[in-house]
PDB file of N, CA and C in Angstrom:
ATOM      1  N   MET A   1      19.953 -11.345 -20.237  1.00  0.00           N
ATOM      2  CA  MET A   1      19.990 -10.123 -19.464  1.00  0.00           C
ATOM      3  C   MET A   1      21.319 -10.066 -18.711  1.00  0.00           C
ATOM      4  N   GLU A   2      21.943  -8.924 -18.692  1.00  0.00           N
ATOM      5  CA  GLU A   2      23.242  -8.749 -18.058  1.00  0.00           C
ATOM      6  C   GLU A   2      23.100  -8.556 -16.549  1.00  0.00           C
ATOM      7  N   THR A   3      23.974  -9.206 -15.781  1.00  0.00           N
ATOM      8  CA  THR A   3      23.971  -9.064 -14.324  1.00  0.00           C
ATOM      9  C   THR A   3      24.689  -7.775 -13.944  1.00  0.00           C
ATOM     10  N   MET A   4      24.021  -6.937 -13.125  1.00  0.00           N
ATOM     11  CA  MET A   4      24.625  -5.684 -12.674  1.00  0.00           C
ATOM     12  C   MET A   4      25.340  -5.855 -11.337  1.00  0.00           C
ATOM     13  N   LYS A   5      24.775  -6.665 -10.443  1.00  0.00           N
ATOM     14  CA  LYS A   5      25.373  -6.937  -9.138  1.00  0.00           C
ATOM     15  C   LYS A   5      25.235  -8.423  -8.848  1.00  0.00           C
ATOM     16  N   ASP A   6      26.188  -8.961  -8.134  1.00  0.00           N
ATOM     17  CA  ASP A   6      26.133 -10.365  -7.748  1.00  0.00           C
ATOM     18  C   ASP A   6      26.704 -10.470  -6.339  1.00  0.00           C
ATOM     19  N   TYR A   7      25.830 -10.692  -5.345  1.00  0.00           N
ATOM     20  CA  TYR A   7      26.289 -10.824  -3.966  1.00  0.00           C
ATOM     21  C   TYR A   7      25.345 -11.726  -3.201  1.00  0.00           C
ATOM     22  N   VAL A   8      25.785 -12.197  -2.058  1.00  0.00           N
ATOM     23  CA  VAL A   8      24.985 -13.073  -1.208  1.00  0.00           C
ATOM     24  C   VAL A   8      24.295 -12.217  -0.155  1.00  0.00           C
ATOM     25  N   ALA A   9      23.002 -12.402  -0.013  1.00  0.00           N
ATOM     26  CA  ALA A   9      22.230 -11.708   1.018  1.00  0.00           C
ATOM     27  C   ALA A   9      21.698 -12.757   1.991  1.00  0.00           C
ATOM     28  N   HIS A  10      21.512 -12.360   3.242  1.00  0.00           N
ATOM     29  CA  HIS A  10      20.986 -13.292   4.232  1.00  0.00           C
ATOM     30  C   HIS A  10      19.864 -12.634   5.020  1.00  0.00           C
ATOM     31  N   LEU A  11      19.034 -13.451   5.630  1.00  0.00           N
ATOM     32  CA  LEU A  11      17.947 -12.950   6.461  1.00  0.00           C
ATOM     33  C   LEU A  11      18.494 -12.549   7.821  1.00  0.00           C
ATOM     34  N   ASP A  12      17.987 -11.426   8.358  1.00  0.00           N
ATOM     35  CA  ASP A  12      18.365 -11.063   9.721  1.00  0.00           C
ATOM     36  C   ASP A  12      17.407 -11.739  10.697  1.00  0.00           C
ATOM     37  N   ASN A  13      17.488 -11.378  11.971  1.00  0.00           N
ATOM     38  CA  ASN A  13      16.653 -12.029  12.997  1.00  0.00           C
ATOM     39  C   ASN A  13      15.160 -11.804  12.783  1.00  0.00           C
ATOM     40  N   LYS A  14      14.813 -10.724  12.087  1.00  0.00           N
ATOM     41  CA  LYS A  14      13.399 -10.429  11.825  1.00  0.00           C
ATOM     42  C   LYS A  14      12.985 -10.870  10.427  1.00  0.00           C
ATOM     43  N   LYS A  15      13.791 -11.747   9.810  1.00  0.00           N
ATOM     44  CA  LYS A  15      13.527 -12.318   8.490  1.00  0.00           C
ATOM     45  C   LYS A  15      13.460 -11.251   7.401  1.00  0.00           C
ATOM     46  N   ARG A  16      14.391 -10.278   7.456  1.00  0.00           N
ATOM     47  CA  ARG A  16      14.463  -9.220   6.455  1.00  0.00           C
ATOM     48  C   ARG A  16      15.745  -9.379   5.655  1.00  0.00           C
ATOM     49  N   ILE A  17      15.696  -8.912   4.407  1.00  0.00           N
ATOM     50  CA  ILE A  17      16.876  -8.883   3.550  1.00  0.00           C
ATOM     51  C   ILE A  17      17.167  -7.429   3.213  1.00  0.00           C
ATOM     52  N   THR A  18      18.439  -7.059   3.240  1.00  0.00           N
ATOM     53  CA  THR A  18      18.844  -5.702   2.882  1.00  0.00           C
ATOM     54  C   THR A  18      19.398  -5.703   1.466  1.00  0.00           C
ATOM     55  N   LEU A  19      18.889  -4.781   0.635  1.00  0.00           N
ATOM     56  CA  LEU A  19      19.409  -4.620  -0.719  1.00  0.00           C
ATOM     57  C   LEU A  19      20.492  -3.556  -0.690  1.00  0.00           C
ATOM     58  N   ARG A  20      21.649  -3.878  -1.163  1.00  0.00           N
ATOM     59  CA  ARG A  20      22.771  -2.935  -1.164  1.00  0.00           C
ATOM     60  C   ARG A  20      22.612  -1.936  -2.306  1.00  0.00           C
ATOM     61  N   GLY A  21      22.703  -0.662  -1.988  1.00  0.00           N
ATOM     62  CA  GLY A  21      22.641   0.377  -3.005  1.00  0.00           C
ATOM     63  C   GLY A  21      21.332   0.405  -3.765  1.00  0.00           C
ATOM     64  N   ALA A  22      20.230   0.123  -3.093  1.00  0.00           N
ATOM     65  CA  ALA A  22      18.933   0.088  -3.755  1.00  0.00           C
ATOM     66  C   ALA A  22      18.597   1.460  -4.341  1.00  0.00           C
ATOM     67  N   ALA A  23      18.106   1.458  -5.558  1.00  0.00           N
ATOM     68  CA  ALA A  23      17.798   2.707  -6.253  1.00  0.00           C
ATOM     69  C   ALA A  23      16.413   3.249  -5.891  1.00  0.00           C
ATOM     70  N   TYR A  24      15.545   2.392  -5.368  1.00  0.00           N
ATOM     71  CA  TYR A  24      14.172   2.792  -5.046  1.00  0.00           C
ATOM     72  C   TYR A  24      13.871   2.457  -3.596  1.00  0.00           C
ATOM     73  N   GLN A  25      12.864   3.127  -3.044  1.00  0.00           N
ATOM     74  CA  GLN A  25      12.469   2.867  -1.662  1.00  0.00           C
ATOM     75  C   GLN A  25      11.435   1.744  -1.580  1.00  0.00           C
ATOM     76  N   TYR A  26      10.605   1.589  -2.614  1.00  0.00           N
ATOM     77  CA  TYR A  26       9.540   0.590  -2.614  1.00  0.00           C
ATOM     78  C   TYR A  26       9.705  -0.364  -3.789  1.00  0.00           C
ATOM     79  N   TYR A  27       9.440  -1.636  -3.535  1.00  0.00           N
ATOM     80  CA  TYR A  27       9.510  -2.665  -4.563  1.00  0.00           C
ATOM     81  C   TYR A  27       8.283  -3.552  -4.467  1.00  0.00           C
ATOM     82  N   ASN A  28       7.784  -3.980  -5.627  1.00  0.00           N
ATOM     83  CA  ASN A  28       6.750  -4.998  -5.676  1.00  0.00           C
ATOM     84  C   ASN A  28       7.479  -6.339  -5.733  1.00  0.00           C
ATOM     85  N   VAL A  29       7.104  -7.270  -4.875  1.00  0.00           N
ATOM     86  CA  VAL A  29       7.794  -8.555  -4.781  1.00  0.00           C
ATOM     87  C   VAL A  29       6.901  -9.650  -5.352  1.00  0.00           C
ATOM     88  N   LYS A  30       7.476 -10.461  -6.251  1.00  0.00           N
ATOM     89  CA  LYS A  30       6.793 -11.642  -6.775  1.00  0.00           C
ATOM     90  C   LYS A  30       7.664 -12.838  -6.436  1.00  0.00           C
ATOM     91  N   GLU A  31       7.087 -13.792  -5.711  1.00  0.00           N
ATOM     92  CA  GLU A  31       7.819 -14.977  -5.293  1.00  0.00           C
ATOM     93  C   GLU A  31       7.206 -16.187  -5.987  1.00  0.00           C
ATOM     94  N   TYR A  32       8.037 -17.001  -6.620  1.00  0.00           N
ATOM     95  CA  TYR A  32       7.573 -18.155  -7.381  1.00  0.00           C
ATOM     96  C   TYR A  32       7.883 -19.451  -6.656  1.00  0.00           C
ATOM     97  N   ARG A  33       7.159 -20.511  -7.005  1.00  0.00           N
ATOM     98  CA  ARG A  33       7.328 -21.806  -6.348  1.00  0.00           C
ATOM     99  C   ARG A  33       8.715 -22.388  -6.547  1.00  0.00           C
ATOM    100  N   ASN A  34       9.374 -22.031  -7.634  1.00  0.00           N
ATOM    101  CA  ASN A  34      10.705 -22.581  -7.899  1.00  0.00           C
ATOM    102  C   ASN A  34      11.800 -21.850  -7.119  1.00  0.00           C
ATOM    103  N   GLY A  35      11.419 -20.872  -6.272  1.00  0.00           N
ATOM    104  CA  GLY A  35      12.372 -20.160  -5.437  1.00  0.00           C
ATOM    105  C   GLY A  35      12.808 -18.816  -5.986  1.00  0.00           C
ATOM    106  N   CYS A  36      12.428 -18.494  -7.218  1.00  0.00           N
ATOM    107  CA  CYS A  36      12.793 -17.200  -7.800  1.00  0.00           C
ATOM    108  C   CYS A  36      11.993 -16.079  -7.151  1.00  0.00           C
ATOM    109  N   ILE A  37      12.659 -14.964  -6.939  1.00  0.00           N
ATOM    110  CA  ILE A  37      12.003 -13.774  -6.398  1.00  0.00           C
ATOM    111  C   ILE A  37      12.288 -12.627  -7.349  1.00  0.00           C
ATOM    112  N   ILE A  38      11.249 -11.961  -7.803  1.00  0.00           N
ATOM    113  CA  ILE A  38      11.375 -10.826  -8.718  1.00  0.00           C
ATOM    114  C   ILE A  38      10.999  -9.553  -7.961  1.00  0.00           C
ATOM    115  N   LEU A  39      11.876  -8.556  -7.985  1.00  0.00           N
ATOM    116  CA  LEU A  39      11.609  -7.260  -7.376  1.00  0.00           C
ATOM    117  C   LEU A  39      11.411  -6.241  -8.497  1.00  0.00           C
ATOM    118  N   GLU A  40      10.267  -5.577  -8.502  1.00  0.00           N
ATOM    119  CA  GLU A  40      10.003  -4.531  -9.477  1.00  0.00           C
ATOM    120  C   GLU A  40       9.904  -3.205  -8.744  1.00  0.00           C
ATOM    121  N   PRO A  41      10.689  -2.213  -9.136  1.00  0.00           N
ATOM    122  CA  PRO A  41      10.649  -0.928  -8.428  1.00  0.00           C
ATOM    123  C   PRO A  41       9.285  -0.252  -8.572  1.00  0.00           C
ATOM    124  N   ARG A  42       8.870   0.393  -7.502  1.00  0.00           N
ATOM    125  CA  ARG A  42       7.604   1.131  -7.487  1.00  0.00           C
ATOM    126  C   ARG A  42       7.875   2.527  -6.967  1.00  0.00           C
ATOM    127  N   GLU A  43       7.276   3.506  -7.589  1.00  0.00           N
ATOM    128  CA  GLU A  43       7.349   4.876  -7.107  1.00  0.00           C
ATOM    129  C   GLU A  43       5.941   5.298  -6.723  1.00  0.00           C
ATOM    130  N   LEU A  44       5.758   5.643  -5.458  1.00  0.00           N
ATOM    131  CA  LEU A  44       4.450   6.070  -4.986  1.00  0.00           C
ATOM    132  C   LEU A  44       4.215   7.505  -5.419  1.00  0.00           C
ATOM    133  N   ALA A  45       3.025   7.771  -5.927  1.00  0.00           N
ATOM    134  CA  ALA A  45       2.699   9.105  -6.414  1.00  0.00           C
ATOM    135  C   ALA A  45       1.437   9.604  -5.728  1.00  0.00           C
ATOM    136  N   VAL A  46       1.384  10.877  -5.481  1.00  0.00           N
ATOM    137  CA  VAL A  46       0.207  11.508  -4.903  1.00  0.00           C
ATOM    138  C   VAL A  46      -0.817  11.696  -6.023  1.00  0.00           C
ATOM    139  N   PRO A  47      -2.058  11.261  -5.818  1.00  0.00           N
ATOM    140  CA  PRO A  47      -3.053  11.461  -6.864  1.00  0.00           C
ATOM    141  C   PRO A  47      -3.250  12.947  -7.148  1.00  0.00           C
ATOM    142  N   GLU A  48      -3.482  13.254  -8.418  1.00  0.00           N
ATOM    143  CA  GLU A  48      -3.628  14.646  -8.807  1.00  0.00           C
ATOM    144  C   GLU A  48      -4.923  15.265  -8.288  1.00  0.00           C
ATOM    145  N   SER A  49      -5.969  14.462  -8.216  1.00  0.00           N
ATOM    146  CA  SER A  49      -7.241  14.998  -7.739  1.00  0.00           C
ATOM    147  C   SER A  49      -8.097  13.865  -7.183  1.00  0.00           C
ATOM    148  N   ILE A  50      -9.189  14.232  -6.547  1.00  0.00           N
ATOM    149  CA  ILE A  50     -10.148  13.254  -6.043  1.00  0.00           C
ATOM    150  C   ILE A  50     -11.072  12.883  -7.193  1.00  0.00           C
ATOM    151  N   SER A  51     -11.342  11.599  -7.353  1.00  0.00           N
ATOM    152  CA  SER A  51     -12.163  11.147  -8.471  1.00  0.00           C
ATOM    153  C   SER A  51     -13.598  11.653  -8.340  1.00  0.00           C
ATOM    154  N   ALA A  52     -14.271  11.730  -9.475  1.00  0.00           N
ATOM    155  CA  ALA A  52     -15.663  12.194  -9.506  1.00  0.00           C
ATOM    156  C   ALA A  52     -16.557  11.259  -8.694  1.00  0.00           C
ATOM    157  N   ARG A  53     -16.254   9.977  -8.736  1.00  0.00           N
ATOM    158  CA  ARG A  53     -17.058   9.007  -7.989  1.00  0.00           C
ATOM    159  C   ARG A  53     -16.928   9.235  -6.483  1.00  0.00           C
ATOM    160  N   THR A  54     -15.713   9.492  -6.020  1.00  0.00           N
ATOM    161  CA  THR A  54     -15.490   9.754  -4.597  1.00  0.00           C
ATOM    162  C   THR A  54     -16.194  11.029  -4.172  1.00  0.00           C
ATOM    163  N   LEU A  55     -16.113  12.066  -4.987  1.00  0.00           N
ATOM    164  CA  LEU A  55     -16.807  13.318  -4.662  1.00  0.00           C
ATOM    165  C   LEU A  55     -18.313  13.112  -4.581  1.00  0.00           C
ATOM    166  N   ALA A  56     -18.868  12.315  -5.495  1.00  0.00           N
ATOM    167  CA  ALA A  56     -20.306  12.028  -5.470  1.00  0.00           C
ATOM    168  C   ALA A  56     -20.677  11.270  -4.200  1.00  0.00           C
ATOM    169  N   ASP A  57     -19.844  10.315  -3.789  1.00  0.00           N
ATOM    170  CA  ASP A  57     -20.099   9.570  -2.542  1.00  0.00           C
ATOM    171  C   ASP A  57     -20.058  10.496  -1.331  1.00  0.00           C
ATOM    172  N   MET A  58     -19.117  11.436  -1.324  1.00  0.00           N
ATOM    173  CA  MET A  58     -19.025  12.389  -0.221  1.00  0.00           C
ATOM    174  C   MET A  58     -20.253  13.296  -0.186  1.00  0.00           C
ATOM    175  N   ASP A  59     -20.694  13.764  -1.336  1.00  0.00           N
ATOM    176  CA  ASP A  59     -21.898  14.602  -1.400  1.00  0.00           C
ATOM    177  C   ASP A  59     -23.118  13.844  -0.890  1.00  0.00           C
ATOM    178  N   ARG A  60     -23.231  12.576  -1.269  1.00  0.00           N
ATOM    179  CA  ARG A  60     -24.372  11.766  -0.832  1.00  0.00           C
ATOM    180  C   ARG A  60     -24.314  11.558   0.681  1.00  0.00           C
ATOM    181  N   ALA A  61     -23.127  11.322   1.250  1.00  0.00           N
ATOM    182  CA  ALA A  61     -22.986  11.120   2.689  1.00  0.00           C
ATOM    183  C   ALA A  61     -23.379  12.378   3.456  1.00  0.00           C
ATOM    184  N   VAL A  62     -22.941  13.549   2.998  1.00  0.00           N
ATOM    185  CA  VAL A  62     -23.287  14.810   3.666  1.00  0.00           C
ATOM    186  C   VAL A  62     -24.786  15.057   3.566  1.00  0.00           C
ATOM    187  N   SER A  63     -25.352  14.773   2.403  1.00  0.00           N
ATOM    188  CA  SER A  63     -26.799  14.961   2.216  1.00  0.00           C
ATOM    189  C   SER A  63     -27.580  14.068   3.181  1.00  0.00           C
ATOM    190  N   ASN A  64     -27.176  12.808   3.306  1.00  0.00           N
ATOM    191  CA  ASN A  64     -27.842  11.887   4.237  1.00  0.00           C
ATOM    192  C   ASN A  64     -27.696  12.365   5.676  1.00  0.00           C
ATOM    193  N   PHE A  65     -26.527  12.881   6.030  1.00  0.00           N
ATOM    194  CA  PHE A  65     -26.294  13.386   7.378  1.00  0.00           C
ATOM    195  C   PHE A  65     -27.218  14.558   7.678  1.00  0.00           C
ATOM    196  N   LYS A  66     -27.365  15.488   6.727  1.00  0.00           N
ATOM    197  CA  LYS A  66     -28.234  16.651   6.930  1.00  0.00           C
ATOM    198  C   LYS A  66     -29.688  16.248   7.044  1.00  0.00           C
ATOM    199  N   LYS A  67     -30.092  15.160   6.363  1.00  0.00           N
ATOM    200  CA  LYS A  67     -31.474  14.667   6.435  1.00  0.00           C
ATOM    201  C   LYS A  67     -31.721  13.888   7.724  1.00  0.00           C
ATOM    202  N   GLY A  68     -30.646  13.533   8.418  1.00  0.00           N
ATOM    203  CA  GLY A  68     -30.798  12.728   9.634  1.00  0.00           C
ATOM    204  C   GLY A  68     -30.789  11.245   9.350  1.00  0.00           C
ATOM    205  N   ASP A  69     -30.488  10.857   8.122  1.00  0.00           N
ATOM    206  CA  ASP A  69     -30.434   9.448   7.736  1.00  0.00           C
ATOM    207  C   ASP A  69     -29.041   8.903   8.093  1.00  0.00           C
ATOM    208  N   VAL A  70     -28.878   8.567   9.393  1.00  0.00           N
ATOM    209  CA  VAL A  70     -27.578   8.127   9.894  1.00  0.00           C
ATOM    210  C   VAL A  70     -27.739   6.818  10.654  1.00  0.00           C
ATOM    211  N   SER A  71     -26.636   6.161  10.932  1.00  0.00           N
ATOM    212  CA  SER A  71     -26.657   4.908  11.683  1.00  0.00           C
ATOM    213  C   SER A  71     -26.928   5.203  13.155  1.00  0.00           C
ATOM    214  N   PRO A  72     -27.355   4.188  13.904  1.00  0.00           N
ATOM    215  CA  PRO A  72     -27.590   4.405  15.338  1.00  0.00           C
ATOM    216  C   PRO A  72     -26.283   4.743  16.065  1.00  0.00           C
ATOM    217  N   ILE A  73     -26.427   5.394  17.231  1.00  0.00           N
ATOM    218  CA  ILE A  73     -25.269   5.800  18.031  1.00  0.00           C
ATOM    219  C   ILE A  73     -24.545   4.555  18.548  1.00  0.00           C
ATOM    220  N   ILE A  74     -23.227   4.579  18.491  1.00  0.00           N
ATOM    221  CA  ILE A  74     -22.398   3.465  18.963  1.00  0.00           C
ATOM    222  C   ILE A  74     -21.976   3.759  20.403  1.00  0.00           C
ATOM    223  N   ASP A  75     -22.203   2.795  21.300  1.00  0.00           N
ATOM    224  CA  ASP A  75     -21.824   2.954  22.698  1.00  0.00           C
ATOM    225  C   ASP A  75     -20.340   2.610  22.870  1.00  0.00           C
ATOM    226  N   LEU A  76     -19.515   3.598  23.166  1.00  0.00           N
ATOM    227  CA  LEU A  76     -18.088   3.390  23.357  1.00  0.00           C
ATOM    228  C   LEU A  76     -17.679   3.446  24.838  1.00  0.00           C
ATOM    229  N   SER A  77     -18.654   3.357  25.730  1.00  0.00           N
ATOM    230  CA  SER A  77     -18.360   3.488  27.152  1.00  0.00           C
ATOM    231  C   SER A  77     -17.495   2.340  27.681  1.00  0.00           C
ATOM    232  N   ASP A  78     -17.503   1.187  27.001  1.00  0.00           N
ATOM    233  CA  ASP A  78     -16.679   0.059  27.449  1.00  0.00           C
ATOM    234  C   ASP A  78     -15.201   0.323  27.228  1.00  0.00           C
ATOM    235  N   PHE A  79     -14.879   1.250  26.386  1.00  0.00           N
ATOM    236  CA  PHE A  79     -13.477   1.524  26.077  1.00  0.00           C
ATOM    237  C   PHE A  79     -12.956   2.630  26.936  1.00  0.00           C
TER     238      PHE A  79
END
């Protein structure tokens, strides 16, 4: 594999490393026992829709609420 960049990076006071000219905002980090660190770019995407399972869970929760099948009241007066 061809090297695109070769530079020395160091940890700052908060133990962070800065990537110069990073193409992505998020990376998945894999750290190995031999000291190798692999960064894989990640792009976060907004889900297109709510899954059918989640919608069914929401319907069941609303149905239980309307029936009065709810948990006991939580006392938050200490806060």
